[in-house]
Amino acid sequence: MNTQWKEHWQSALVTNHAIVVDPINRQPGLIFLTVHHLLLLNRCHTGQGPCKASLYKWGLTQSPNCSCCEPQTLRHIVNSCLQTEFESGLMILHDAEDAVNWLNSVVTTALAK
């Protein structure tokens, strides 16, 4: 069963699936995260969530743009927005220690706007 699951994981077409090489092994610091933080990190890794680009696509907001005038995707929030960028980048976001501070100070606010 584990072999089939790993093969399925490795062939997944989900955005950023390659960040975690072996999903069986816990990532550093994840055991200490709240459900809220785990949910936000998962949304950042998969690129799926209530960012303005998605909300616009679903007809729930007037504009897909971030406050910096670029389309506000989760990738944009993490990697390229001058107001919210995670300095270490998406590939390191699974390391929970730095990510929690970033999530608390930046992402929760950005997604709420």
C-alpha atoms as a PDB file:
ATOM      1  CA  MET A   1       0.000   0.000   0.000  1.00  0.00           C
ATOM      2  CA  ASN A   2       2.791   2.470   0.902  1.00  0.00           C
ATOM      3  CA  THR A   3       4.526   1.838  -2.422  1.00  0.00           C
ATOM      4  CA  GLN A   4       1.356   2.560  -4.393  1.00  0.00           C
ATOM      5  CA  TRP A   5       0.698   5.680  -2.346  1.00  0.00           C
ATOM      6  CA  LYS A   6       4.255   6.975  -2.875  1.00  0.00           C
ATOM      7  CA  GLU A   7       4.007   6.339  -6.618  1.00  0.00           C
ATOM      8  CA  HIS A   8       0.713   8.217  -6.710  1.00  0.00           C
ATOM      9  CA  TRP A   9       2.261  11.088  -4.714  1.00  0.00           C
ATOM     10  CA  GLN A  10       5.274  11.331  -7.023  1.00  0.00           C
ATOM     11  CA  SER A  11       3.117  11.423 -10.153  1.00  0.00           C
ATOM     12  CA  ALA A  12       0.661  13.984  -8.742  1.00  0.00           C
ATOM     13  CA  LEU A  13      -0.132  17.004 -10.859  1.00  0.00           C
ATOM     14  CA  VAL A  14      -0.695  19.195  -7.804  1.00  0.00           C
ATOM     15  CA  THR A  15       1.304  22.418  -7.828  1.00  0.00           C
ATOM     16  CA  ASN A  16       4.466  22.126  -5.725  1.00  0.00           C
ATOM     17  CA  HIS A  17       4.050  18.418  -4.912  1.00  0.00           C
ATOM     18  CA  ALA A  18       7.817  17.962  -5.246  1.00  0.00           C
ATOM     19  CA  ILE A  19       8.559  20.155  -2.206  1.00  0.00           C
ATOM     20  CA  VAL A  20       8.022  17.187   0.097  1.00  0.00           C
ATOM     21  CA  VAL A  21       9.995  14.223  -1.244  1.00  0.00           C
ATOM     22  CA  ASP A  22       8.552  11.591   1.080  1.00  0.00           C
ATOM     23  CA  PRO A  23       5.139  12.466   2.531  1.00  0.00           C
ATOM     24  CA  ILE A  24       5.442   9.656   5.089  1.00  0.00           C
ATOM     25  CA  ASN A  25       8.190  11.562   6.941  1.00  0.00           C
ATOM     26  CA  ARG A  26       7.052  14.527   9.020  1.00  0.00           C
ATOM     27  CA  GLN A  27       8.527  17.849   8.007  1.00  0.00           C
ATOM     28  CA  PRO A  28      10.585  19.823  10.569  1.00  0.00           C
ATOM     29  CA  GLY A  29       8.422  21.524  13.182  1.00  0.00           C
ATOM     30  CA  LEU A  30       5.049  20.465  11.785  1.00  0.00           C
ATOM     31  CA  ILE A  31       4.083  18.559  14.903  1.00  0.00           C
ATOM     32  CA  PHE A  32       3.894  21.859  16.802  1.00  0.00           C
ATOM     33  CA  LEU A  33       1.639  23.693  14.340  1.00  0.00           C
ATOM     34  CA  THR A  34      -1.988  24.538  14.939  1.00  0.00           C
ATOM     35  CA  VAL A  35      -4.634  23.324  12.510  1.00  0.00           C
ATOM     36  CA  HIS A  36      -4.952  26.914  11.245  1.00  0.00           C
ATOM     37  CA  HIS A  37      -1.229  27.083  10.406  1.00  0.00           C
ATOM     38  CA  LEU A  38      -1.254  23.631   8.794  1.00  0.00           C
ATOM     39  CA  LEU A  39      -4.195  24.678   6.636  1.00  0.00           C
ATOM     40  CA  LEU A  40      -2.474  27.899   5.527  1.00  0.00           C
ATOM     41  CA  LEU A  41       0.789  26.094   4.746  1.00  0.00           C
ATOM     42  CA  ASN A  42      -1.072  23.459   2.766  1.00  0.00           C
ATOM     43  CA  ARG A  43      -2.853  26.172   0.797  1.00  0.00           C
ATOM     44  CA  CYS A  44       0.468  27.861   0.016  1.00  0.00           C
ATOM     45  CA  HIS A  45       2.050  24.572  -1.087  1.00  0.00           C
ATOM     46  CA  THR A  46      -0.827  23.528  -3.313  1.00  0.00           C
ATOM     47  CA  GLY A  47      -1.601  26.996  -4.656  1.00  0.00           C
ATOM     48  CA  GLN A  48      -5.265  26.517  -3.745  1.00  0.00           C
ATOM     49  CA  GLY A  49      -7.077  28.823  -1.362  1.00  0.00           C
ATOM     50  CA  PRO A  50      -8.928  32.061  -0.782  1.00  0.00           C
ATOM     51  CA  CYS A  51      -6.502  34.437  -2.473  1.00  0.00           C
ATOM     52  CA  LYS A  52      -7.992  37.245  -4.570  1.00  0.00           C
ATOM     53  CA  ALA A  53      -7.339  35.457  -7.877  1.00  0.00           C
ATOM     54  CA  SER A  54      -9.415  32.489  -6.710  1.00  0.00           C
ATOM     55  CA  LEU A  55     -12.100  34.638  -5.113  1.00  0.00           C
ATOM     56  CA  TYR A  56     -12.390  36.619  -8.364  1.00  0.00           C
ATOM     57  CA  LYS A  57     -12.679  33.396 -10.382  1.00  0.00           C
ATOM     58  CA  TRP A  58     -15.474  32.267  -8.028  1.00  0.00           C
ATOM     59  CA  GLY A  59     -17.268  35.631  -8.366  1.00  0.00           C
ATOM     60  CA  LEU A  60     -16.664  36.613  -4.729  1.00  0.00           C
ATOM     61  CA  THR A  61     -14.556  39.740  -5.220  1.00  0.00           C
ATOM     62  CA  GLN A  62     -14.397  42.620  -7.701  1.00  0.00           C
ATOM     63  CA  SER A  63     -10.721  42.263  -8.635  1.00  0.00           C
ATOM     64  CA  PRO A  64      -8.100  39.493  -8.771  1.00  0.00           C
ATOM     65  CA  ASN A  65      -5.348  41.948  -7.845  1.00  0.00           C
ATOM     66  CA  CYS A  66      -3.229  42.225  -4.735  1.00  0.00           C
ATOM     67  CA  SER A  67      -2.699  45.626  -3.112  1.00  0.00           C
ATOM     68  CA  CYS A  68       0.519  45.816  -5.182  1.00  0.00           C
ATOM     69  CA  CYS A  69      -1.624  45.627  -8.378  1.00  0.00           C
ATOM     70  CA  GLU A  70      -0.409  42.167  -9.491  1.00  0.00           C
ATOM     71  CA  PRO A  71      -2.804  39.170  -9.602  1.00  0.00           C
ATOM     72  CA  GLN A  72      -2.920  37.830  -6.044  1.00  0.00           C
ATOM     73  CA  THR A  73      -2.272  34.104  -6.339  1.00  0.00           C
ATOM     74  CA  LEU A  74      -0.829  32.133  -3.436  1.00  0.00           C
ATOM     75  CA  ARG A  75       2.408  31.804  -5.401  1.00  0.00           C
ATOM     76  CA  HIS A  76       2.495  35.612  -5.713  1.00  0.00           C
ATOM     77  CA  ILE A  77       1.903  36.047  -1.955  1.00  0.00           C
ATOM     78  CA  VAL A  78       4.741  33.645  -1.100  1.00  0.00           C
ATOM     79  CA  ASN A  79       7.326  34.338  -3.806  1.00  0.00           C
ATOM     80  CA  SER A  80       7.010  37.741  -5.391  1.00  0.00           C
ATOM     81  CA  CYS A  81       4.841  40.300  -3.597  1.00  0.00           C
ATOM     82  CA  LEU A  82       7.032  42.997  -2.065  1.00  0.00           C
ATOM     83  CA  GLN A  83       4.552  43.295   0.816  1.00  0.00           C
ATOM     84  CA  THR A  84       4.169  39.600   1.710  1.00  0.00           C
ATOM     85  CA  GLU A  85       7.069  37.643   0.185  1.00  0.00           C
ATOM     86  CA  PHE A  86       8.534  34.782   2.252  1.00  0.00           C
ATOM     87  CA  GLU A  87      12.262  35.541   2.043  1.00  0.00           C
ATOM     88  CA  SER A  88      13.335  31.909   1.932  1.00  0.00           C
ATOM     89  CA  GLY A  89      10.840  31.103  -0.839  1.00  0.00           C
ATOM     90  CA  LEU A  90       8.223  28.425  -1.271  1.00  0.00           C
ATOM     91  CA  MET A  91      10.726  25.576  -1.353  1.00  0.00           C
ATOM     92  CA  ILE A  92      11.656  26.270   2.289  1.00  0.00           C
ATOM     93  CA  LEU A  93       8.156  27.110   3.513  1.00  0.00           C
ATOM     94  CA  HIS A  94       7.631  23.565   4.801  1.00  0.00           C
ATOM     95  CA  ASP A  95      10.240  24.272   7.517  1.00  0.00           C
ATOM     96  CA  ALA A  96       7.743  25.346  10.143  1.00  0.00           C
ATOM     97  CA  GLU A  97       9.867  27.526  12.417  1.00  0.00           C
ATOM     98  CA  ASP A  98      10.251  30.496  10.060  1.00  0.00           C
ATOM     99  CA  ALA A  99       6.977  29.808   8.291  1.00  0.00           C
ATOM    100  CA  VAL A 100       4.832  30.270  11.418  1.00  0.00           C
ATOM    101  CA  ASN A 101       6.220  33.740  12.057  1.00  0.00           C
ATOM    102  CA  TRP A 102       5.607  34.657   8.424  1.00  0.00           C
ATOM    103  CA  LEU A 103       2.100  33.192   8.453  1.00  0.00           C
ATOM    104  CA  ASN A 104       1.210  35.098  11.615  1.00  0.00           C
ATOM    105  CA  SER A 105       2.538  38.425  10.428  1.00  0.00           C
ATOM    106  CA  VAL A 106       1.795  38.439   6.705  1.00  0.00           C
ATOM    107  CA  VAL A 107      -0.385  35.743   5.145  1.00  0.00           C
ATOM    108  CA  THR A 108      -3.354  35.861   7.494  1.00  0.00           C
ATOM    109  CA  THR A 109      -3.611  39.601   6.878  1.00  0.00           C
ATOM    110  CA  ALA A 110      -3.103  39.295   3.095  1.00  0.00           C
ATOM    111  CA  LEU A 111      -5.794  36.641   2.704  1.00  0.00           C
ATOM    112  CA  ALA A 112      -8.238  38.596   4.846  1.00  0.00           C
ATOM    113  CA  LYS A 113      -8.107  41.688   2.589  1.00  0.00           C
END
